Amino acid sequence: MGDIVAENYKLIEKLGETAEGKRFLTEDTRLGRRVSLLALSQEFLSHTGRLTALKQAVEQLRHATHPGLRNVYSFESVTNCSLLVEEYSVRLT
């Protein structure tokens, strides 16, 4: 992959797709750490209620700590794209 998104996220691999968008493993080149990046789909973004609810949930999660939750680092808007940046963790089953 190797592409750079939003100036500081280097794409490493695609992790999958959800109704919300495409999820990637990326490297935050500013902080030198791996993060999970969700590129929200245009369909998801077209529903104002969903986007508002997501932004509210992100704000709540940014202040929550729990072993079962990933840290939410940021919600960013770049040209034609909105990104949710979270802690990357491998969950073994």
Foldseek 3Di string as FASTA:
>chain_A
DQDDDPNFWGFDAWPAADQQATWTFTARNVVGHIKIKGKGDPVQVVDPVSVVVVVVVLVVQCPDDDPVDWHWDDWDDDVVIIMTITHDDDDDD
